[in-house]
């Protein structure tokens, strides 16, 4: 009994430390309590809460598993299990735990609200909407429900409905974290930049040190060509967090806009030192190096980016793949670019531009037949696409099929009669045909 009484004392002290935000001491007291009495499910649950507050999600999940073994019908344990699995992006497992929580108590809105985000993250937007409408049937945090479904709508480019949902969320709970900033993002996507700027400023009035909002506002100001104000926002972020890679990256972007390549070069190098996997930084630096004709150094950065792509291809959006593929082509690495453009075409199979660049990769790699087939696919999607017509004409010339070459060249000239590349190709084609005719004439002339 003395051990159990001492355990209760440790638990009470742990509660005091938790309320004071002293997570390490709260954890220490809880572990002492559990060492004396390991059979209290709520103590394991509170240990999980403490570890989660300290940012140790994996440890929190282990503590929750102990709580679940002791009491497998507790609603809060199931709910927190789902929340923590969402935190580490294990959305499938999160949904399983939320489903189990719903079976324990179907009238709790939380299970539906949290599943909105989980379904959104795995791309099941229709199911996210089902969860949203179910959540509205019960008492609960409807502001969070509106905000969560608005994020799903943003991902689907349904900006008007997203704006409506963010406005509803802000009306229900004006203090919902970043609700005005997210509403600003939706307005910016519809071209209402000034309205977006005002909403970002409103968010910053309430939360002047919010780094995400400062970064978002800085990017918006760059789009509005208010470069001085944008730089001020990025520098403010660096005052708050000097090693923030996003702010340094945007400083580099700002330097590019001002044609200050030296400053941009330094900024992107610093970003890579701070975060070697930062999206776009290596590609931006490689592009600068290519502009300076430093191809070997550019290739080093692109090959590191290529390793990251091979390790995690799903982490690259379509625009990222397009950017990487083009840079690999510019660096004369067509065989490496082929895999990138193939991955891009898995995401955008009807992208004539990507097919054209894939054809260029094949041509540069010496595989003319594959290059021509990629060109044909591009022309089936976009019959008046001049670069593909140009390359088909050139390929047929190399195969000495001058009639077919002329057909493609004529189609291209109808679309763009002033294109200097097409005019040069037309002259080359005439010379080739003249040379062939001359050779044939020479062969037919009898010997004297």
Protein backbone atom coordinates (compact mmCIF):
# COMPACT_ATOMS: atom_id res chain seq x y z
CA UNK A 1 0.00 0.00 0.00
CA UNK A 2 2.93 2.37 0.73
CA UNK A 3 4.24 1.89 -2.81
CA UNK A 4 0.84 2.68 -4.27
CA UNK A 5 0.53 5.79 -2.09
CA UNK A 6 4.00 6.94 -3.22
CA UNK A 7 2.98 6.28 -6.84
CA UNK A 8 -0.03 8.58 -6.38
CA UNK A 9 2.28 11.30 -5.08
CA UNK A 10 4.55 10.99 -8.12
CA UNK A 11 1.47 11.14 -10.34
CA UNK A 12 0.22 14.33 -8.65
CA UNK A 13 3.63 15.98 -9.04
CA UNK A 14 3.68 14.91 -12.70
CA UNK A 15 0.33 16.66 -13.20
CA UNK A 16 1.74 19.89 -11.71
CA UNK A 17 4.81 19.74 -13.95
CA UNK A 18 2.62 19.07 -17.00
CA UNK A 19 0.46 22.10 -16.25
CA UNK A 20 3.64 24.19 -15.97
CA UNK A 21 4.93 22.92 -19.33
CA UNK A 22 7.90 21.15 -17.74
CA UNK A 23 7.69 18.01 -19.87
CA UNK A 24 10.91 16.26 -18.84
CA UNK A 25 10.10 16.48 -15.15
CA UNK A 26 6.50 15.42 -15.77
CA UNK A 27 7.72 12.37 -17.69
CA UNK A 28 10.19 11.49 -14.95
CA UNK A 29 7.49 11.60 -12.25
CA UNK A 30 5.06 9.57 -14.35
CA UNK A 31 7.65 6.88 -15.00
CA UNK A 32 8.37 6.66 -11.27
CA UNK A 33 4.66 6.31 -10.61
CA UNK A 34 4.32 3.58 -13.23
CA UNK A 35 7.36 1.74 -11.91
CA UNK A 36 5.50 1.42 -8.61
CA UNK A 37 2.04 0.78 -10.11
CA UNK A 38 2.09 -0.19 -13.82
CA UNK A 39 -1.62 -1.13 -13.93
CA UNK A 40 -3.19 2.31 -14.29
CA UNK A 41 -4.23 2.83 -17.90
CA UNK A 42 -4.90 6.54 -17.41
CA UNK A 43 -1.31 7.04 -16.21
CA UNK A 44 0.05 5.47 -19.40
CA UNK A 45 -2.36 7.70 -21.34
CA UNK A 46 -1.08 10.81 -19.53
CA UNK A 47 2.50 9.73 -20.17
CA UNK A 48 1.59 9.61 -23.86
CA UNK A 49 0.13 13.13 -23.64
CA UNK A 50 3.34 14.36 -21.99
CA UNK A 51 5.59 12.74 -24.58
CA UNK A 52 3.43 14.11 -27.40
CA UNK A 53 3.68 17.61 -25.94
CA UNK A 54 7.47 17.20 -25.87
CA UNK A 55 7.43 16.22 -29.58
CA UNK A 56 8.31 12.55 -29.01
CA UNK A 57 5.51 11.00 -31.01
CA UNK A 58 6.97 7.48 -31.38
CA UNK A 59 7.46 7.19 -27.61
CA UNK A 60 3.95 8.53 -27.06
CA UNK A 61 2.55 5.78 -29.29
CA UNK A 62 4.32 3.12 -27.23
CA UNK A 63 2.82 4.57 -24.04
CA UNK A 64 -0.63 4.54 -25.65
CA UNK A 65 -0.20 0.88 -26.61
CA UNK A 66 0.37 0.12 -22.92
CA UNK A 67 -2.78 2.06 -22.03
CA UNK A 68 -4.75 0.18 -24.70
CA UNK A 69 -3.60 -3.22 -23.40
CA UNK A 70 -4.89 -2.33 -19.96
CA UNK A 71 -8.16 -0.79 -21.15
CA UNK A 72 -9.05 -1.58 -24.74
CA UNK A 73 -12.44 0.14 -24.78
CA UNK A 74 -11.35 3.69 -23.95
CA UNK A 75 -12.53 6.26 -26.50
CA UNK A 76 -9.80 8.83 -25.79
CA UNK A 77 -7.02 6.26 -26.23
CA UNK A 78 -8.33 5.29 -29.66
CA UNK A 79 -8.77 8.92 -30.66
CA UNK A 80 -5.26 9.93 -29.59
CA UNK A 81 -3.83 6.86 -31.36
CA UNK A 82 -5.40 8.15 -34.57
CA UNK A 83 -4.16 11.69 -34.02
CA UNK A 84 -0.58 10.54 -33.41
CA UNK A 85 -0.55 8.24 -36.44
CA UNK A 86 -1.74 11.23 -38.50
CA UNK A 87 1.09 13.28 -37.01
CA UNK A 88 3.66 10.86 -38.44
CA UNK A 89 1.71 10.62 -41.74
CA UNK A 90 0.51 7.05 -41.23
CA UNK A 91 -2.97 8.01 -42.36
CA UNK A 92 -4.21 4.48 -43.08
CA UNK A 93 -3.53 3.39 -39.50
CA UNK A 94 -4.97 6.66 -38.22
CA UNK A 95 -8.26 5.99 -40.01
CA UNK A 96 -8.41 2.49 -38.48
CA UNK A 97 -8.10 3.97 -34.99
CA UNK A 98 -10.68 6.68 -35.71
CA UNK A 99 -13.05 4.01 -37.04
CA UNK A 100 -12.59 2.03 -33.81
CA UNK A 101 -13.23 5.18 -31.75
CA UNK A 102 -16.46 5.73 -33.69
CA UNK A 103 -17.61 2.20 -32.84
CA UNK A 104 -17.10 2.97 -29.16
CA UNK A 105 -19.06 6.25 -29.33
CA UNK A 106 -20.68 7.12 -32.69
CA UNK A 107 -22.02 10.44 -31.41
CA UNK A 108 -18.62 12.11 -30.96
CA UNK A 109 -17.81 14.59 -33.75
CA UNK A 110 -14.04 14.31 -33.23
CA UNK A 111 -13.78 10.95 -35.01
CA UNK A 112 -15.35 12.45 -38.14
CA UNK A 113 -13.42 15.73 -37.97
CA UNK A 114 -10.01 14.07 -37.73
CA UNK A 115 -10.86 11.68 -40.56
CA UNK A 116 -11.48 14.66 -42.87
CA UNK A 117 -7.76 15.44 -42.87
CA UNK A 118 -6.70 11.78 -42.97
CA UNK A 119 -8.82 11.01 -46.03
CA UNK A 120 -7.70 14.28 -47.65
CA UNK A 121 -4.04 13.35 -47.17
CA UNK A 122 -4.43 10.00 -48.92
CA UNK A 123 -6.36 11.59 -51.78
CA UNK A 124 -9.81 10.24 -50.91
CA UNK A 125 -11.52 13.61 -51.12
CA UNK A 126 -15.04 12.26 -51.60
CA UNK A 127 -14.76 10.31 -48.37
CA UNK A 128 -13.37 13.44 -46.66
CA UNK A 129 -16.56 15.25 -47.65
CA UNK A 130 -18.67 12.42 -46.23
CA UNK A 131 -16.83 12.80 -42.91
CA UNK A 132 -17.38 16.57 -43.02
CA UNK A 133 -21.13 16.31 -43.42
CA UNK A 134 -21.33 13.64 -40.72
CA UNK A 135 -19.32 15.83 -38.34
CA UNK A 136 -21.87 18.62 -38.74
CA UNK A 137 -24.59 16.32 -37.39
CA UNK A 138 -23.06 16.34 -33.92
CA UNK A 139 -21.88 18.92 -31.41
CA UNK A 140 -18.18 19.56 -31.78
CA UNK A 141 -15.47 21.75 -33.24
CA UNK A 142 -17.25 22.73 -36.43
CA UNK A 143 -14.66 25.44 -37.11
CA UNK A 144 -11.99 22.75 -37.43
CA UNK A 145 -14.32 20.69 -39.64
CA UNK A 146 -14.83 23.62 -42.05
CA UNK A 147 -11.11 24.41 -42.03
CA UNK A 148 -10.13 20.78 -42.71
CA UNK A 149 -12.50 20.35 -45.64
CA UNK A 150 -11.34 23.71 -47.01
CA UNK A 151 -7.79 22.32 -47.21
CA UNK A 152 -9.12 19.39 -49.24
CA UNK A 153 -10.94 21.80 -51.55
CA UNK A 154 -7.76 23.85 -52.01
CA UNK A 155 -5.91 20.73 -53.13
CA UNK A 156 -8.63 20.17 -55.72
CA UNK A 157 -8.40 23.76 -56.95
CA UNK A 158 -12.00 24.33 -55.87
CA UNK A 159 -11.14 27.81 -54.63
CA UNK A 160 -14.60 29.34 -54.31
CA UNK A 161 -15.86 26.54 -52.05
CA UNK A 162 -12.60 26.65 -50.10
CA UNK A 163 -13.04 30.38 -49.50
CA UNK A 164 -16.60 29.79 -48.28
CA UNK A 165 -15.46 27.06 -45.85
CA UNK A 166 -12.54 29.10 -44.50
CA UNK A 167 -14.86 32.06 -43.96
CA UNK A 168 -17.29 29.82 -42.07
CA UNK A 169 -14.44 28.50 -39.93
CA UNK A 170 -13.26 32.05 -39.16
CA UNK A 171 -16.81 33.14 -38.28
CA UNK A 172 -17.25 30.23 -35.85
CA UNK A 173 -13.81 30.57 -34.26
CA UNK A 174 -11.76 33.69 -35.19
CA UNK A 175 -8.91 32.35 -33.03
CA UNK A 176 -8.50 29.11 -34.98
CA UNK A 177 -4.76 28.89 -35.76
CA UNK A 178 -3.89 30.45 -39.15
CA UNK A 179 -7.47 30.46 -40.39
CA UNK A 180 -7.13 33.96 -41.85
CA UNK A 181 -3.78 33.06 -43.42
CA UNK A 182 -5.29 30.03 -45.14
CA UNK A 183 -8.23 32.14 -46.32
CA UNK A 184 -5.65 34.57 -47.71
CA UNK A 185 -4.00 31.70 -49.60
CA UNK A 186 -7.33 30.77 -51.19
CA UNK A 187 -7.97 34.37 -52.23
CA UNK A 188 -4.46 34.61 -53.71
CA UNK A 189 -5.13 31.53 -55.85
CA UNK A 190 -8.14 33.30 -57.38
CA UNK A 191 -6.06 36.39 -58.22
CA UNK A 192 -7.46 38.57 -55.44
CA UNK A 193 -4.01 39.48 -54.19
CA UNK A 194 -4.84 42.67 -52.34
CA UNK A 195 -7.57 40.92 -50.34
CA UNK A 196 -5.10 38.16 -49.57
CA UNK A 197 -2.50 40.68 -48.41
CA UNK A 198 -4.99 42.29 -46.03
CA UNK A 199 -5.88 38.93 -44.52
CA UNK A 200 -2.23 38.01 -44.00
CA UNK A 201 -1.72 41.34 -42.23
CA UNK A 202 -4.74 40.63 -40.04
CA UNK A 203 -3.25 37.26 -39.08
CA UNK A 204 0.05 38.95 -38.24
CA UNK A 205 -1.68 41.52 -36.05
CA UNK A 206 -2.94 38.66 -33.91
CA UNK A 207 0.21 36.55 -34.22
CA UNK A 208 3.11 38.88 -35.16
CA UNK A 209 5.77 36.16 -34.84
CA UNK A 210 4.06 33.50 -36.96
CA UNK A 211 6.83 32.35 -39.31
CA UNK A 212 4.59 30.52 -41.79
CA UNK A 213 2.40 33.56 -42.27
CA UNK A 214 5.42 35.85 -42.70
CA UNK A 215 6.79 33.51 -45.38
CA UNK A 216 3.44 33.26 -47.15
CA UNK A 217 3.00 37.02 -47.14
CA UNK A 218 6.55 37.51 -48.43
CA UNK A 219 5.87 35.15 -51.35
CA UNK A 220 2.62 36.97 -52.14
CA UNK A 221 4.42 40.33 -52.12
CA UNK A 222 6.96 38.91 -54.57
CA UNK A 223 4.10 37.91 -56.88
CA UNK A 224 2.76 41.46 -56.54
CA UNK A 225 6.25 42.75 -57.48
CA UNK A 226 6.58 44.53 -54.12
CA UNK A 227 10.10 43.23 -53.70
CA UNK A 228 11.23 45.59 -50.95
CA UNK A 229 8.33 44.62 -48.69
CA UNK A 230 8.87 40.94 -49.49
CA UNK A 231 12.51 41.17 -48.44
CA UNK A 232 11.46 42.83 -45.20
CA UNK A 233 9.20 39.86 -44.35
CA UNK A 234 11.91 37.30 -45.10
CA UNK A 235 14.44 39.21 -43.00
CA UNK A 236 11.90 39.33 -40.17
CA UNK A 237 11.71 35.53 -40.29
CA UNK A 238 15.52 35.35 -40.04
CA UNK A 239 15.42 37.64 -37.01
CA UNK A 240 13.11 35.12 -35.35
CA UNK A 241 14.88 32.01 -36.68
CA UNK A 242 18.27 32.66 -38.23
CA UNK A 243 18.68 29.16 -39.67
CA UNK A 244 15.27 29.00 -41.37
CA UNK A 245 15.96 27.42 -44.82
CA UNK A 246 12.68 28.64 -46.33
CA UNK A 247 13.55 32.26 -45.63
CA UNK A 248 17.08 31.89 -47.03
CA UNK A 249 15.64 30.22 -50.13
CA UNK A 250 13.22 33.09 -50.68
CA UNK A 251 16.08 35.56 -50.20
CA UNK A 252 17.80 33.70 -53.05
CA UNK A 253 14.64 33.89 -55.19
CA UNK A 254 14.43 37.61 -54.45
CA UNK A 255 18.06 38.05 -55.50
CA UNK A 256 17.30 36.26 -58.78
CA UNK A 257 14.41 38.64 -59.42
CA UNK A 258 16.85 41.52 -58.90
CA UNK A 259 19.44 39.84 -61.17
CA UNK A 260 21.89 39.61 -58.27
CA UNK A 261 23.30 36.19 -59.13
CA UNK A 262 26.12 36.36 -56.57
CA UNK A 263 23.70 36.86 -53.67
CA UNK A 264 21.37 34.18 -55.05
CA UNK A 265 24.26 31.73 -55.38
CA UNK A 266 25.29 32.32 -51.75
CA UNK A 267 21.70 32.01 -50.49
CA UNK A 268 21.06 28.69 -52.24
CA UNK A 269 24.37 27.25 -51.02
CA UNK A 270 23.41 28.22 -47.47
CA UNK A 271 20.02 26.54 -47.87
CA UNK A 272 21.73 23.29 -48.92
CA UNK A 273 24.04 23.45 -45.89
CA UNK A 274 21.06 23.98 -43.59
CA UNK A 275 18.90 21.32 -45.24
CA UNK A 276 20.55 19.07 -47.87
CA UNK A 277 17.13 17.73 -48.96
CA UNK A 278 15.47 21.12 -49.37
CA UNK A 279 13.19 21.09 -52.44
CA UNK A 280 14.37 23.19 -55.39
CA UNK A 281 17.55 24.58 -53.80
CA UNK A 282 19.94 22.29 -55.68
CA UNK A 283 18.02 22.81 -58.91
CA UNK A 284 18.17 26.60 -58.52
CA UNK A 285 21.90 26.42 -57.82
CA UNK A 286 22.46 24.09 -60.77
CA UNK A 287 20.57 26.48 -63.05
CA UNK A 288 22.81 29.35 -61.94
CA UNK A 289 25.91 27.26 -62.55
CA UNK A 290 24.71 26.33 -66.03
CA UNK A 291 24.19 30.02 -66.80
CA UNK A 292 27.84 30.49 -65.81
CA UNK A 293 28.88 27.52 -68.05
CA UNK A 294 30.07 25.58 -65.01
CA UNK A 295 28.61 22.29 -66.24
CA UNK A 296 30.69 19.91 -64.05
CA UNK A 297 29.65 21.64 -60.82
CA UNK A 298 26.02 21.81 -61.98
CA UNK A 299 26.09 18.07 -62.68
CA UNK A 300 27.27 17.35 -59.12
CA UNK A 301 24.20 19.04 -57.66
CA UNK A 302 21.84 17.49 -60.20
CA UNK A 303 23.17 13.99 -59.53
CA UNK A 304 22.55 14.50 -55.80
CA UNK A 305 19.03 15.64 -56.64
CA UNK A 306 18.69 12.58 -58.85
CA UNK A 307 19.66 10.33 -55.94
CA UNK A 308 16.94 11.94 -53.85
CA UNK A 309 14.47 11.36 -56.70
CA UNK A 310 15.42 7.68 -56.93
CA UNK A 311 15.12 7.31 -53.17
CA UNK A 312 11.70 8.97 -52.99
CA UNK A 313 10.11 9.51 -56.44
CA UNK A 314 6.66 10.14 -54.93
CA UNK A 315 8.08 13.14 -53.07
CA UNK A 316 8.56 15.03 -56.35
CA UNK A 317 5.58 16.94 -57.72
CA UNK A 318 5.03 17.11 -61.48
CA UNK A 319 6.49 20.62 -61.76
CA UNK A 320 9.58 19.51 -59.80
CA UNK A 321 10.10 16.61 -62.21
CA UNK A 322 9.72 18.91 -65.20
CA UNK A 323 12.30 21.30 -63.76
CA UNK A 324 14.76 18.51 -62.92
CA UNK A 325 14.38 16.84 -66.32
CA UNK A 326 15.01 20.07 -68.22
CA UNK A 327 18.12 20.82 -66.16
CA UNK A 328 19.48 17.30 -66.79
CA UNK A 329 18.97 17.88 -70.51
CA UNK A 330 20.72 21.25 -70.31
CA UNK A 331 23.59 19.51 -68.50
CA UNK A 332 23.83 16.97 -71.32
CA UNK A 333 22.70 14.08 -69.14
CA UNK A 334 19.87 12.76 -71.38
CA UNK A 335 19.90 9.18 -70.09
CA UNK A 336 19.31 10.40 -66.54
CA UNK A 337 16.59 12.74 -67.80
CA UNK A 338 14.69 9.87 -69.46
CA UNK A 339 13.69 8.31 -66.13
CA UNK A 340 12.59 11.69 -64.77
CA UNK A 341 10.38 12.49 -67.76
CA UNK A 342 8.89 8.98 -67.68
CA UNK A 343 7.94 9.58 -64.05
CA UNK A 344 6.45 12.94 -65.03
CA UNK A 345 4.36 11.24 -67.73
CA UNK A 346 3.03 8.79 -65.14
CA UNK A 347 1.56 11.84 -63.40
CA UNK A 348 0.61 13.76 -66.57
CA UNK A 349 0.20 11.25 -69.41
CA UNK A 350 -1.25 13.83 -71.82
CA UNK A 351 1.52 16.39 -71.40
CA UNK A 352 2.76 17.10 -74.92
CA UNK A 353 5.65 19.21 -73.62
CA UNK A 354 6.91 16.36 -71.42
CA UNK A 355 6.66 13.94 -74.35
CA UNK A 356 8.64 16.37 -76.49
CA UNK A 357 11.39 16.59 -73.88
CA UNK A 358 11.42 12.81 -73.56
CA UNK A 359 11.87 12.58 -77.33
CA UNK A 360 14.83 14.99 -77.10
CA UNK A 361 16.35 12.73 -74.43
CA UNK A 362 16.07 9.73 -76.73
CA UNK A 363 17.47 11.62 -79.73
CA UNK A 364 20.46 12.83 -77.69
CA UNK A 365 21.00 9.30 -76.37
CA UNK A 366 21.17 8.01 -79.95
CA UNK A 367 17.82 6.19 -79.86
CA UNK A 368 16.10 7.76 -82.85
CA UNK A 369 13.18 5.30 -83.10
CA UNK A 370 12.11 5.88 -79.46
CA UNK A 371 12.53 9.61 -79.97
CA UNK A 372 10.27 9.59 -83.02
CA UNK A 373 7.64 7.54 -81.21
CA UNK A 374 7.60 10.06 -78.32
CA UNK A 375 7.22 12.87 -80.89
CA UNK A 376 4.30 11.06 -82.51
CA UNK A 377 2.59 10.72 -79.14
CA UNK A 378 3.09 14.44 -78.51
CA UNK A 379 1.60 15.30 -81.90
CA UNK A 380 -1.42 13.07 -81.32
CA UNK A 381 -2.14 15.20 -78.23
CA UNK A 382 -1.19 18.55 -79.78
CA UNK A 383 -0.98 18.31 -83.61
CA UNK A 384 0.29 21.90 -84.04
CA UNK A 385 3.13 21.59 -81.52
CA UNK A 386 6.04 23.17 -83.39
CA UNK A 387 9.03 21.69 -81.45
CA UNK A 388 7.76 18.14 -82.05
CA UNK A 389 7.10 18.87 -85.74
CA UNK A 390 10.63 20.31 -86.04
CA UNK A 391 12.20 17.23 -84.45
CA UNK A 392 10.18 14.83 -86.61
CA UNK A 393 11.29 16.69 -89.73
CA UNK A 394 14.91 16.53 -88.57
CA UNK A 395 14.66 12.82 -87.75
CA UNK A 396 13.15 12.00 -91.15
CA UNK A 397 15.95 13.99 -92.80
CA UNK A 398 18.51 11.89 -90.98
CA UNK A 399 16.73 8.80 -92.30
CA UNK A 400 16.75 10.34 -95.83
CA UNK A 401 12.97 10.32 -95.94
CA UNK A 402 12.85 13.83 -97.35
CA UNK A 403 9.21 13.74 -98.44
CA UNK A 404 8.01 13.00 -94.91
CA UNK A 405 10.47 15.53 -93.52
CA UNK A 406 9.00 18.16 -95.83
CA UNK A 407 5.45 17.30 -94.74
CA UNK A 408 6.24 17.89 -91.07
CA UNK A 409 8.27 21.00 -91.84
CA UNK A 410 5.43 22.49 -93.90
CA UNK A 411 2.98 21.89 -91.03
CA UNK A 412 5.34 23.64 -88.63
CA UNK A 413 5.80 26.62 -90.97
CA UNK A 414 2.03 27.05 -91.25
CA UNK A 415 1.90 27.45 -87.46
CA UNK A 416 4.99 29.67 -87.17
CA UNK A 417 6.29 30.91 -90.55
CA UNK A 418 8.81 33.31 -88.96
CA UNK A 419 10.60 30.75 -86.76
CA UNK A 420 14.33 31.06 -87.64
CA UNK A 421 15.03 27.40 -86.73
CA UNK A 422 12.36 26.22 -89.14
CA UNK A 423 13.73 28.46 -91.89
CA UNK A 424 17.22 27.10 -91.39
CA UNK A 425 15.87 23.56 -91.44
CA UNK A 426 14.00 24.32 -94.67
CA UNK A 427 17.25 25.53 -96.28
CA UNK A 428 19.08 22.43 -95.02
CA UNK A 429 16.35 20.19 -96.40
CA UNK A 430 16.59 21.91 -99.81
CA UNK A 431 20.35 21.41 -99.85
CA UNK A 432 19.95 17.74 -98.91
CA UNK A 433 17.41 17.16 -101.66
CA UNK A 434 19.58 19.05 -104.15
CA UNK A 435 22.56 16.98 -103.13
CA UNK A 436 20.59 13.77 -103.56
CA UNK A 437 19.35 14.88 -106.98
CA UNK A 438 22.86 15.87 -108.01
CA UNK A 439 24.23 12.52 -106.87
CA UNK A 440 21.50 10.68 -108.79
CA UNK A 441 22.19 12.75 -111.89
CA UNK A 442 25.92 12.03 -111.62
CA UNK A 443 25.25 8.30 -111.35
CA UNK A 444 22.95 8.35 -114.42
CA UNK A 445 25.41 10.33 -116.58
CA UNK A 446 27.23 7.92 -118.97
CA UNK A 447 30.97 7.74 -118.82
CA UNK A 448 32.86 9.47 -121.63
